[in-house]
Amino acid sequence: MNIFYRLGDKLYVNITNKCSCDCVFCIRKNGDSVGDADTLWLEHEPSFSEVSAAFARERIDNIEEIVFCGYGEPMERAEDVVLIAKFIKSKTTVPVRLNTNGLVKLINPDFDIARLNIFDSISVSLNADNAEDYQKLTRTVFGEKSFDSMLGFAQDARAYTNVAFTIVDTAGVDIDKCKEISNKTSIPLRVRTLL
């Protein structure tokens, strides 16, 4: 079971296969493997002790960043994400980033996002410039209200850490309009190439 996997100079943390979205461009639709992992499909969600034991076996001397991003939405396990991030930060000075769909307010309404201050940065999947297109692309179980929830999360999280938006350069995404949202919210935007 691949809890950690490497891609380039980054070490990724894969702790769940659950996701409230079914994005049309999701990488897990293309195969089982990413980076050096033969599969990112988990036999079960790893416990804290399984994650900490797996981390102890990793060599991180040539790693530039540790990223919570696997074949699921990390914030489906919001409490565990914070505990695991604290553990990792206690063992290394390598920056730790959270990649998220930004829907934690809908997934775990009682979660206090101030606790995400443990992360050096958070990447939020903007995905679209309006609620209708967002729903068409993400097909989230929460419907069109998800778009405003994601925007609100990104803006709120800025009080605790560095936040950036990401979009995938794919059909149905208006990059220029997404840049307008980035400029309006003063949250940087990174355009990703579809893998």
N, C-alpha and C. Protein backbone atom coordinates (compact mmCIF):
# COMPACT_ATOMS: atom_id res chain seq x y z
N MET A 1 0.85 -1.18 0.00
CA MET A 1 0.00 0.00 0.00
C MET A 1 0.89 1.23 0.00
N ASN A 2 0.69 2.12 -0.95
CA ASN A 2 1.53 3.31 -1.09
C ASN A 2 0.92 4.51 -0.35
N ILE A 3 1.39 4.73 0.87
CA ILE A 3 0.98 5.90 1.63
C ILE A 3 1.78 7.11 1.15
N PHE A 4 3.05 6.88 0.84
CA PHE A 4 3.91 7.93 0.31
C PHE A 4 4.37 7.54 -1.09
N TYR A 5 4.48 8.53 -1.96
CA TYR A 5 5.04 8.28 -3.28
C TYR A 5 5.80 9.51 -3.72
N ARG A 6 6.72 9.31 -4.65
CA ARG A 6 7.58 10.40 -5.12
C ARG A 6 7.29 10.72 -6.57
N LEU A 7 7.32 12.01 -6.85
CA LEU A 7 7.22 12.50 -8.21
C LEU A 7 8.15 13.70 -8.29
N GLY A 8 9.21 13.57 -9.08
CA GLY A 8 10.22 14.63 -9.12
C GLY A 8 10.87 14.78 -7.76
N ASP A 9 10.98 16.03 -7.29
CA ASP A 9 11.62 16.29 -6.00
C ASP A 9 10.61 16.47 -4.87
N LYS A 10 9.41 15.92 -5.07
CA LYS A 10 8.36 16.04 -4.05
C LYS A 10 7.96 14.67 -3.53
N LEU A 11 7.63 14.64 -2.24
CA LEU A 11 7.10 13.44 -1.60
C LEU A 11 5.62 13.70 -1.32
N TYR A 12 4.76 12.81 -1.81
CA TYR A 12 3.32 12.99 -1.67
C TYR A 12 2.75 12.04 -0.63
N VAL A 13 1.70 12.51 0.07
CA VAL A 13 1.05 11.77 1.12
C VAL A 13 -0.34 11.36 0.64
N ASN A 14 -0.59 10.06 0.59
CA ASN A 14 -1.83 9.49 0.06
C ASN A 14 -2.55 8.78 1.19
N ILE A 15 -3.58 9.41 1.78
CA ILE A 15 -4.20 8.82 2.98
C ILE A 15 -5.67 8.45 2.80
N THR A 16 -6.26 8.76 1.64
CA THR A 16 -7.66 8.38 1.41
C THR A 16 -7.93 8.29 -0.08
N ASN A 17 -8.90 7.47 -0.42
CA ASN A 17 -9.40 7.43 -1.79
C ASN A 17 -10.77 8.06 -1.89
N LYS A 18 -11.29 8.58 -0.77
CA LYS A 18 -12.60 9.24 -0.77
C LYS A 18 -12.48 10.64 -1.38
N CYS A 19 -13.50 11.03 -2.11
CA CYS A 19 -13.56 12.40 -2.63
C CYS A 19 -15.01 12.75 -2.90
N SER A 20 -15.38 13.98 -2.56
CA SER A 20 -16.74 14.45 -2.80
C SER A 20 -16.92 14.95 -4.23
N CYS A 21 -15.84 14.92 -5.01
CA CYS A 21 -15.90 15.33 -6.41
C CYS A 21 -15.63 14.12 -7.31
N ASP A 22 -16.03 14.27 -8.55
CA ASP A 22 -15.76 13.28 -9.59
C ASP A 22 -15.33 14.05 -10.84
N CYS A 23 -14.21 14.75 -10.72
CA CYS A 23 -13.78 15.68 -11.76
C CYS A 23 -13.55 14.97 -13.09
N VAL A 24 -14.00 15.61 -14.16
CA VAL A 24 -13.89 15.00 -15.49
C VAL A 24 -12.43 14.80 -15.88
N PHE A 25 -11.51 15.58 -15.32
CA PHE A 25 -10.10 15.51 -15.68
C PHE A 25 -9.26 14.79 -14.63
N CYS A 26 -9.89 14.16 -13.64
CA CYS A 26 -9.15 13.57 -12.52
C CYS A 26 -8.13 12.54 -13.01
N ILE A 27 -6.94 12.65 -12.50
CA ILE A 27 -5.83 11.77 -12.90
C ILE A 27 -6.11 10.31 -12.59
N ARG A 28 -6.92 10.04 -11.59
CA ARG A 28 -7.15 8.64 -11.24
C ARG A 28 -8.04 7.93 -12.25
N LYS A 29 -8.62 8.66 -13.18
CA LYS A 29 -9.38 8.04 -14.27
C LYS A 29 -8.45 7.46 -15.34
N ASN A 30 -7.18 7.88 -15.30
CA ASN A 30 -6.22 7.49 -16.34
C ASN A 30 -5.41 6.25 -15.99
N GLY A 31 -5.45 5.79 -14.76
CA GLY A 31 -4.65 4.64 -14.37
C GLY A 31 -4.48 4.56 -12.87
N ASP A 32 -3.70 3.60 -12.45
CA ASP A 32 -3.52 3.34 -11.03
C ASP A 32 -2.29 4.01 -10.44
N SER A 33 -1.32 4.36 -11.27
CA SER A 33 -0.03 4.78 -10.74
C SER A 33 0.30 6.23 -11.05
N VAL A 34 1.08 6.80 -10.16
CA VAL A 34 1.64 8.15 -10.32
C VAL A 34 3.04 8.10 -9.73
N GLY A 35 3.99 8.77 -10.39
CA GLY A 35 5.35 8.80 -9.86
C GLY A 35 5.91 7.39 -9.69
N ASP A 36 6.50 7.14 -8.53
CA ASP A 36 7.13 5.84 -8.30
C ASP A 36 6.18 4.82 -7.66
N ALA A 37 4.89 5.17 -7.54
CA ALA A 37 3.92 4.25 -6.94
C ALA A 37 3.28 3.39 -8.02
N ASP A 38 3.24 2.09 -7.78
CA ASP A 38 2.58 1.21 -8.74
C ASP A 38 1.07 1.37 -8.69
N THR A 39 0.53 1.70 -7.53
CA THR A 39 -0.89 2.02 -7.41
C THR A 39 -1.10 2.97 -6.23
N LEU A 40 -2.06 3.87 -6.39
CA LEU A 40 -2.43 4.77 -5.29
C LEU A 40 -3.78 4.39 -4.71
N TRP A 41 -4.34 3.29 -5.18
CA TRP A 41 -5.58 2.78 -4.57
C TRP A 41 -5.20 2.09 -3.27
N LEU A 42 -5.82 2.53 -2.19
CA LEU A 42 -5.49 2.03 -0.85
C LEU A 42 -6.31 0.80 -0.48
N GLU A 43 -5.69 -0.13 0.20
CA GLU A 43 -6.40 -1.30 0.73
C GLU A 43 -7.36 -0.86 1.83
N HIS A 44 -6.95 0.13 2.59
CA HIS A 44 -7.75 0.74 3.65
C HIS A 44 -7.13 2.10 3.95
N GLU A 45 -7.87 2.96 4.64
CA GLU A 45 -7.30 4.25 5.02
C GLU A 45 -6.28 4.00 6.14
N PRO A 46 -5.03 4.40 5.91
CA PRO A 46 -4.01 4.11 6.91
C PRO A 46 -4.22 4.89 8.21
N SER A 47 -3.95 4.22 9.31
CA SER A 47 -4.03 4.85 10.62
C SER A 47 -2.85 5.79 10.81
N PHE A 48 -2.92 6.60 11.84
CA PHE A 48 -1.81 7.49 12.15
C PHE A 48 -0.53 6.68 12.36
N SER A 49 -0.62 5.57 13.08
CA SER A 49 0.58 4.77 13.33
C SER A 49 1.15 4.19 12.04
N GLU A 50 0.28 3.81 11.10
CA GLU A 50 0.76 3.29 9.81
C GLU A 50 1.45 4.39 9.01
N VAL A 51 0.88 5.59 9.05
CA VAL A 51 1.48 6.71 8.32
C VAL A 51 2.83 7.08 8.93
N SER A 52 2.88 7.18 10.26
CA SER A 52 4.15 7.56 10.91
C SER A 52 5.23 6.50 10.69
N ALA A 53 4.85 5.22 10.71
CA ALA A 53 5.82 4.16 10.46
C ALA A 53 6.32 4.21 9.01
N ALA A 54 5.42 4.48 8.08
CA ALA A 54 5.80 4.58 6.67
C ALA A 54 6.71 5.79 6.44
N PHE A 55 6.43 6.90 7.13
CA PHE A 55 7.26 8.09 6.98
C PHE A 55 8.68 7.84 7.49
N ALA A 56 8.77 7.08 8.57
CA ALA A 56 10.09 6.77 9.15
C ALA A 56 10.97 6.00 8.17
N ARG A 57 10.35 5.30 7.22
CA ARG A 57 11.11 4.54 6.23
C ARG A 57 11.51 5.37 5.01
N GLU A 58 10.99 6.58 4.90
CA GLU A 58 11.27 7.43 3.74
C GLU A 58 12.60 8.17 3.89
N ARG A 59 13.33 8.29 2.81
CA ARG A 59 14.51 9.15 2.77
C ARG A 59 14.07 10.49 2.21
N ILE A 60 14.28 11.55 2.97
CA ILE A 60 13.80 12.86 2.53
C ILE A 60 14.93 13.86 2.31
N ASP A 61 16.17 13.38 2.25
CA ASP A 61 17.30 14.30 2.10
C ASP A 61 17.28 15.04 0.76
N ASN A 62 16.65 14.48 -0.26
CA ASN A 62 16.61 15.15 -1.57
C ASN A 62 15.20 15.62 -1.93
N ILE A 63 14.35 15.75 -0.94
CA ILE A 63 12.97 16.18 -1.16
C ILE A 63 12.85 17.69 -0.92
N GLU A 64 12.20 18.38 -1.85
CA GLU A 64 12.02 19.83 -1.75
C GLU A 64 10.71 20.21 -1.05
N GLU A 65 9.72 19.31 -1.11
CA GLU A 65 8.41 19.63 -0.55
C GLU A 65 7.66 18.33 -0.27
N ILE A 66 6.84 18.33 0.78
CA ILE A 66 5.97 17.20 1.10
C ILE A 66 4.54 17.69 0.89
N VAL A 67 3.77 16.93 0.09
CA VAL A 67 2.46 17.39 -0.34
C VAL A 67 1.38 16.37 -0.01
N PHE A 68 0.34 16.80 0.69
CA PHE A 68 -0.82 15.94 0.93
C PHE A 68 -1.66 15.94 -0.35
N CYS A 69 -1.54 14.88 -1.13
CA CYS A 69 -2.25 14.76 -2.40
C CYS A 69 -2.11 13.33 -2.89
N GLY A 70 -3.22 12.64 -3.01
CA GLY A 70 -3.18 11.27 -3.50
C GLY A 70 -4.39 11.00 -4.37
N TYR A 71 -4.94 9.80 -4.26
CA TYR A 71 -6.11 9.43 -5.05
C TYR A 71 -7.39 9.68 -4.25
N GLY A 72 -7.47 10.83 -3.62
CA GLY A 72 -8.64 11.23 -2.86
C GLY A 72 -8.45 12.63 -2.32
N GLU A 73 -9.46 13.16 -1.69
CA GLU A 73 -9.41 14.50 -1.09
C GLU A 73 -8.92 14.39 0.36
N PRO A 74 -7.72 14.91 0.66
CA PRO A 74 -7.17 14.78 2.02
C PRO A 74 -8.12 15.25 3.12
N MET A 75 -8.87 16.32 2.85
CA MET A 75 -9.72 16.87 3.91
C MET A 75 -10.96 16.04 4.19
N GLU A 76 -11.13 14.92 3.50
CA GLU A 76 -12.12 13.93 3.92
C GLU A 76 -11.70 13.38 5.29
N ARG A 77 -10.41 13.49 5.59
CA ARG A 77 -9.86 13.06 6.88
C ARG A 77 -9.20 14.27 7.56
N ALA A 78 -9.95 15.34 7.72
CA ALA A 78 -9.40 16.61 8.19
C ALA A 78 -8.64 16.50 9.50
N GLU A 79 -9.21 15.81 10.48
CA GLU A 79 -8.54 15.68 11.78
C GLU A 79 -7.20 14.95 11.63
N ASP A 80 -7.21 13.87 10.85
CA ASP A 80 -5.98 13.10 10.65
C ASP A 80 -4.95 13.89 9.86
N VAL A 81 -5.39 14.69 8.91
CA VAL A 81 -4.48 15.52 8.12
C VAL A 81 -3.67 16.42 9.05
N VAL A 82 -4.34 17.04 9.98
CA VAL A 82 -3.65 17.95 10.92
C VAL A 82 -2.67 17.18 11.79
N LEU A 83 -3.09 16.04 12.32
CA LEU A 83 -2.20 15.24 13.17
C LEU A 83 -0.98 14.75 12.41
N ILE A 84 -1.20 14.28 11.19
CA ILE A 84 -0.09 13.77 10.38
C ILE A 84 0.85 14.91 9.99
N ALA A 85 0.29 16.05 9.61
CA ALA A 85 1.12 17.20 9.25
C ALA A 85 1.97 17.65 10.43
N LYS A 86 1.38 17.68 11.63
CA LYS A 86 2.15 18.05 12.82
C LYS A 86 3.29 17.07 13.06
N PHE A 87 3.00 15.79 12.89
CA PHE A 87 4.03 14.77 13.06
C PHE A 87 5.17 14.99 12.07
N ILE A 88 4.82 15.16 10.80
CA ILE A 88 5.84 15.36 9.76
C ILE A 88 6.67 16.61 10.06
N LYS A 89 5.99 17.69 10.44
CA LYS A 89 6.71 18.94 10.74
C LYS A 89 7.63 18.79 11.96
N SER A 90 7.32 17.84 12.84
CA SER A 90 8.19 17.62 14.00
C SER A 90 9.44 16.84 13.62
N LYS A 91 9.45 16.24 12.43
CA LYS A 91 10.56 15.40 12.00
C LYS A 91 11.44 16.03 10.93
N THR A 92 10.99 17.11 10.31
CA THR A 92 11.75 17.70 9.20
C THR A 92 11.42 19.18 9.04
N THR A 93 12.33 19.89 8.40
CA THR A 93 12.08 21.31 8.06
C THR A 93 11.63 21.46 6.61
N VAL A 94 11.44 20.35 5.90
CA VAL A 94 10.96 20.40 4.52
C VAL A 94 9.56 21.01 4.52
N PRO A 95 9.29 21.98 3.64
CA PRO A 95 7.96 22.59 3.59
C PRO A 95 6.87 21.56 3.32
N VAL A 96 5.70 21.76 3.94
CA VAL A 96 4.58 20.85 3.80
C VAL A 96 3.38 21.63 3.23
N ARG A 97 2.81 21.06 2.14
CA ARG A 97 1.70 21.71 1.45
C ARG A 97 0.49 20.79 1.45
N LEU A 98 -0.70 21.39 1.49
CA LEU A 98 -1.95 20.67 1.36
C LEU A 98 -2.57 21.01 0.01
N ASN A 99 -2.86 19.99 -0.79
CA ASN A 99 -3.65 20.17 -2.01
C ASN A 99 -5.09 19.77 -1.67
N THR A 100 -6.04 20.64 -1.95
CA THR A 100 -7.42 20.37 -1.56
C THR A 100 -8.41 20.94 -2.57
N ASN A 101 -9.60 20.33 -2.59
CA ASN A 101 -10.68 20.89 -3.41
C ASN A 101 -11.34 22.07 -2.71
N GLY A 102 -10.97 22.34 -1.48
CA GLY A 102 -11.49 23.51 -0.77
C GLY A 102 -12.90 23.36 -0.24
N LEU A 103 -13.40 22.14 -0.19
CA LEU A 103 -14.79 21.94 0.23
C LEU A 103 -14.92 21.44 1.66
N VAL A 104 -13.90 21.67 2.48
CA VAL A 104 -13.92 21.15 3.86
C VAL A 104 -15.10 21.70 4.65
N LYS A 105 -15.57 22.90 4.36
CA LYS A 105 -16.72 23.45 5.09
C LYS A 105 -17.99 22.65 4.83
N LEU A 106 -18.03 21.96 3.68
CA LEU A 106 -19.17 21.10 3.35
C LEU A 106 -18.92 19.66 3.80
N ILE A 107 -17.69 19.22 3.69
CA ILE A 107 -17.33 17.84 4.07
C ILE A 107 -17.34 17.68 5.59
N ASN A 108 -16.68 18.61 6.29
CA ASN A 108 -16.55 18.57 7.75
C ASN A 108 -16.89 19.95 8.31
N PRO A 109 -18.18 20.28 8.40
CA PRO A 109 -18.60 21.64 8.79
C PRO A 109 -18.04 22.14 10.11
N ASP A 110 -17.73 21.25 11.04
CA ASP A 110 -17.25 21.67 12.36
C ASP A 110 -15.74 21.86 12.42
N PHE A 111 -15.04 21.57 11.34
CA PHE A 111 -13.58 21.67 11.35
C PHE A 111 -13.15 23.13 11.42
N ASP A 112 -12.21 23.44 12.31
CA ASP A 112 -11.68 24.79 12.48
C ASP A 112 -10.50 24.98 11.53
N ILE A 113 -10.68 25.77 10.48
CA ILE A 113 -9.61 25.89 9.48
C ILE A 113 -8.38 26.62 10.02
N ALA A 114 -8.50 27.26 11.16
CA ALA A 114 -7.32 27.88 11.78
C ALA A 114 -6.25 26.81 12.06
N ARG A 115 -6.68 25.56 12.21
CA ARG A 115 -5.74 24.48 12.49
C ARG A 115 -4.85 24.16 11.29
N LEU A 116 -5.20 24.69 10.13
CA LEU A 116 -4.38 24.47 8.93
C LEU A 116 -3.14 25.36 8.91
N ASN A 117 -2.94 26.12 9.98
CA ASN A 117 -1.74 26.95 10.07
C ASN A 117 -0.47 26.11 10.16
N ILE A 118 -0.61 24.81 10.36
CA ILE A 118 0.53 23.90 10.39
C ILE A 118 1.17 23.79 9.00
N PHE A 119 0.40 24.08 7.96
CA PHE A 119 0.91 23.95 6.59
C PHE A 119 1.67 25.21 6.16
N ASP A 120 2.73 24.99 5.40
CA ASP A 120 3.47 26.12 4.83
C ASP A 120 2.68 26.76 3.69
N SER A 121 1.87 25.96 3.02
CA SER A 121 1.04 26.48 1.93
C SER A 121 -0.12 25.53 1.66
N ILE A 122 -1.14 26.08 1.02
CA ILE A 122 -2.32 25.31 0.60
C ILE A 122 -2.61 25.65 -0.85
N SER A 123 -2.80 24.62 -1.67
CA SER A 123 -3.25 24.80 -3.04
C SER A 123 -4.71 24.40 -3.12
N VAL A 124 -5.54 25.33 -3.59
CA VAL A 124 -6.98 25.10 -3.69
C VAL A 124 -7.36 24.97 -5.16
N SER A 125 -8.05 23.90 -5.50
CA SER A 125 -8.47 23.69 -6.88
C SER A 125 -9.64 24.61 -7.22
N LEU A 126 -9.34 25.67 -7.96
CA LEU A 126 -10.37 26.62 -8.39
C LEU A 126 -11.27 25.98 -9.44
N ASN A 127 -10.67 25.35 -10.43
CA ASN A 127 -11.34 24.54 -11.45
C ASN A 127 -12.20 25.31 -12.45
N ALA A 128 -12.83 26.39 -12.07
CA ALA A 128 -13.70 27.13 -12.99
C ALA A 128 -13.92 28.54 -12.45
N ASP A 129 -14.59 29.36 -13.26
CA ASP A 129 -14.80 30.76 -12.84
C ASP A 129 -16.23 31.03 -12.41
N ASN A 130 -17.10 30.00 -12.42
CA ASN A 130 -18.49 30.20 -11.99
C ASN A 130 -19.05 28.87 -11.51
N ALA A 131 -20.14 28.96 -10.75
CA ALA A 131 -20.71 27.78 -10.09
C ALA A 131 -21.21 26.73 -11.08
N GLU A 132 -21.81 27.16 -12.17
CA GLU A 132 -22.36 26.20 -13.14
C GLU A 132 -21.25 25.38 -13.81
N ASP A 133 -20.23 26.07 -14.29
CA ASP A 133 -19.12 25.36 -14.93
C ASP A 133 -18.34 24.53 -13.92
N TYR A 134 -18.21 25.04 -12.70
CA TYR A 134 -17.54 24.30 -11.64
C TYR A 134 -18.23 22.95 -11.43
N GLN A 135 -19.55 22.98 -11.37
CA GLN A 135 -20.30 21.75 -11.16
C GLN A 135 -20.16 20.79 -12.35
N LYS A 136 -20.15 21.33 -13.55
CA LYS A 136 -19.99 20.49 -14.74
C LYS A 136 -18.63 19.79 -14.73
N LEU A 137 -17.60 20.50 -14.27
CA LEU A 137 -16.24 19.95 -14.28
C LEU A 137 -15.96 19.04 -13.08
N THR A 138 -16.46 19.42 -11.90
CA THR A 138 -16.13 18.66 -10.69
C THR A 138 -17.17 17.60 -10.35
N ARG A 139 -18.40 17.82 -10.78
CA ARG A 139 -19.50 16.89 -10.49
C ARG A 139 -19.55 16.53 -9.01
N THR A 140 -19.39 17.55 -8.16
CA THR A 140 -19.39 17.32 -6.72
C THR A 140 -20.77 16.96 -6.19
N VAL A 141 -20.79 16.14 -5.15
CA VAL A 141 -22.05 15.72 -4.55
C VAL A 141 -22.78 16.88 -3.88
N PHE A 142 -22.10 17.98 -3.64
CA PHE A 142 -22.71 19.11 -2.95
C PHE A 142 -23.39 20.10 -3.88
N GLY A 143 -23.25 19.93 -5.19
CA GLY A 143 -23.91 20.81 -6.14
C GLY A 143 -23.25 22.16 -6.27
N GLU A 144 -23.98 23.10 -6.87
CA GLU A 144 -23.40 24.39 -7.24
C GLU A 144 -23.00 25.26 -6.06
N LYS A 145 -23.53 24.99 -4.88
CA LYS A 145 -23.11 25.79 -3.70
C LYS A 145 -21.63 25.56 -3.39
N SER A 146 -21.06 24.51 -3.96
CA SER A 146 -19.66 24.17 -3.71
C SER A 146 -18.71 25.27 -4.16
N PHE A 147 -19.03 25.92 -5.26
CA PHE A 147 -18.14 26.94 -5.80
C PHE A 147 -17.92 28.07 -4.79
N ASP A 148 -19.00 28.60 -4.23
CA ASP A 148 -18.86 29.68 -3.24
C ASP A 148 -18.19 29.18 -1.96
N SER A 149 -18.45 27.94 -1.59
CA SER A 149 -17.82 27.38 -0.40
C SER A 149 -16.31 27.28 -0.59
N MET A 150 -15.90 26.85 -1.78
CA MET A 150 -14.46 26.74 -2.09
C MET A 150 -13.80 28.11 -2.07
N LEU A 151 -14.46 29.11 -2.68
CA LEU A 151 -13.90 30.47 -2.68
C LEU A 151 -13.78 31.00 -1.26
N GLY A 152 -14.81 30.77 -0.46
CA GLY A 152 -14.78 31.24 0.93
C GLY A 152 -13.67 30.58 1.73
N PHE A 153 -13.49 29.28 1.51
CA PHE A 153 -12.41 28.57 2.19
C PHE A 153 -11.06 29.17 1.84
N ALA A 154 -10.82 29.39 0.56
CA ALA A 154 -9.52 29.93 0.11
C ALA A 154 -9.25 31.29 0.75
N GLN A 155 -10.27 32.13 0.79
CA GLN A 155 -10.08 33.46 1.35
C GLN A 155 -9.88 33.40 2.86
N ASP A 156 -10.62 32.53 3.54
CA ASP A 156 -10.46 32.39 4.99
C ASP A 156 -9.11 31.79 5.36
N ALA A 157 -8.66 30.81 4.58
CA ALA A 157 -7.41 30.12 4.89
C ALA A 157 -6.20 31.04 4.79
N ARG A 158 -6.32 32.12 4.01
CA ARG A 158 -5.20 33.07 3.88
C ARG A 158 -4.80 33.70 5.20
N ALA A 159 -5.69 33.70 6.17
CA ALA A 159 -5.36 34.26 7.48
C ALA A 159 -4.36 33.38 8.23
N TYR A 160 -4.19 32.13 7.77
CA TYR A 160 -3.39 31.16 8.52
C TYR A 160 -2.15 30.65 7.78
N THR A 161 -2.14 30.76 6.45
CA THR A 161 -1.01 30.26 5.68
C THR A 161 -1.05 30.83 4.27
N ASN A 162 -0.07 30.48 3.46
CA ASN A 162 -0.04 30.91 2.07
C ASN A 162 -1.01 30.06 1.25
N VAL A 163 -1.81 30.72 0.45
CA VAL A 163 -2.84 30.03 -0.35
C VAL A 163 -2.66 30.40 -1.81
N ALA A 164 -2.83 29.40 -2.67
CA ALA A 164 -2.82 29.63 -4.12
C ALA A 164 -3.96 28.83 -4.74
N PHE A 165 -4.51 29.36 -5.83
CA PHE A 165 -5.48 28.62 -6.62
C PHE A 165 -4.74 27.83 -7.68
N THR A 166 -5.33 26.70 -8.09
CA THR A 166 -4.84 25.97 -9.25
C THR A 166 -6.01 25.67 -10.17
N ILE A 167 -5.73 25.63 -11.46
CA ILE A 167 -6.69 25.16 -12.45
C ILE A 167 -5.96 24.23 -13.40
N VAL A 168 -6.73 23.36 -14.04
CA VAL A 168 -6.17 22.48 -15.05
C VAL A 168 -6.53 23.06 -16.41
N ASP A 169 -5.54 23.18 -17.28
CA ASP A 169 -5.75 23.70 -18.63
C ASP A 169 -6.43 22.63 -19.46
N THR A 170 -7.76 22.65 -19.46
CA THR A 170 -8.55 21.64 -20.16
C THR A 170 -9.83 22.28 -20.70
N ALA A 171 -10.52 21.56 -21.55
CA ALA A 171 -11.76 22.07 -22.14
C ALA A 171 -12.76 22.44 -21.05
N GLY A 172 -13.41 23.58 -21.21
CA GLY A 172 -14.40 24.03 -20.24
C GLY A 172 -13.85 24.97 -19.19
N VAL A 173 -12.55 25.21 -19.19
CA VAL A 173 -11.94 26.11 -18.21
C VAL A 173 -11.53 27.40 -18.92
N ASP A 174 -12.09 28.52 -18.48
CA ASP A 174 -11.75 29.82 -19.04
C ASP A 174 -10.62 30.41 -18.20
N ILE A 175 -9.40 30.26 -18.68
CA ILE A 175 -8.22 30.67 -17.93
C ILE A 175 -8.24 32.17 -17.64
N ASP A 176 -8.64 32.98 -18.60
CA ASP A 176 -8.65 34.43 -18.40
C ASP A 176 -9.62 34.83 -17.29
N LYS A 177 -10.80 34.21 -17.25
CA LYS A 177 -11.77 34.54 -16.20
C LYS A 177 -11.29 34.04 -14.84
N CYS A 178 -10.59 32.90 -14.84
CA CYS A 178 -10.02 32.42 -13.58
C CYS A 178 -8.93 33.37 -13.08
N LYS A 179 -8.18 33.95 -14.02
CA LYS A 179 -7.18 34.95 -13.63
C LYS A 179 -7.85 36.18 -13.01
N GLU A 180 -9.04 36.52 -13.50
CA GLU A 180 -9.78 37.65 -12.91
C GLU A 180 -10.15 37.36 -11.45
N ILE A 181 -10.57 36.14 -11.18
CA ILE A 181 -10.88 35.75 -9.79
C ILE A 181 -9.62 35.82 -8.94
N SER A 182 -8.52 35.35 -9.50
CA SER A 182 -7.24 35.41 -8.79
C SER A 182 -6.89 36.85 -8.45
N ASN A 183 -7.02 37.73 -9.41
CA ASN A 183 -6.70 39.15 -9.19
C ASN A 183 -7.65 39.78 -8.19
N LYS A 184 -8.94 39.47 -8.30
CA LYS A 184 -9.95 40.05 -7.41
C LYS A 184 -9.75 39.63 -5.96
N THR A 185 -9.35 38.37 -5.75
CA THR A 185 -9.17 37.84 -4.39
C THR A 185 -7.75 38.00 -3.87
N SER A 186 -6.84 38.43 -4.76
CA SER A 186 -5.41 38.52 -4.43
C SER A 186 -4.83 37.17 -4.01
N ILE A 187 -5.35 36.12 -4.61
CA ILE A 187 -4.82 34.78 -4.39
C ILE A 187 -4.15 34.34 -5.68
N PRO A 188 -2.86 34.02 -5.65
CA PRO A 188 -2.15 33.64 -6.88
C PRO A 188 -2.78 32.43 -7.56
N LEU A 189 -2.61 32.37 -8.88
CA LEU A 189 -3.17 31.28 -9.67
C LEU A 189 -2.05 30.53 -10.39
N ARG A 190 -2.11 29.21 -10.30
CA ARG A 190 -1.17 28.37 -11.05
C ARG A 190 -1.97 27.52 -12.03
N VAL A 191 -1.59 27.56 -13.29
CA VAL A 191 -2.25 26.77 -14.33
C VAL A 191 -1.49 25.47 -14.50
N ARG A 192 -2.17 24.35 -14.31
CA ARG A 192 -1.55 23.03 -14.42
C ARG A 192 -1.87 22.40 -15.77
N THR A 193 -0.91 21.65 -16.28
CA THR A 193 -1.11 20.91 -17.52
C THR A 193 -1.85 19.61 -17.21
N LEU A 194 -2.82 19.27 -18.02
CA LEU A 194 -3.56 18.02 -17.85
C LEU A 194 -2.61 16.84 -18.05
N LEU A 195 -2.55 15.95 -17.03
CA LEU A 195 -1.69 14.77 -17.12
C LEU A 195 -2.43 13.63 -17.80
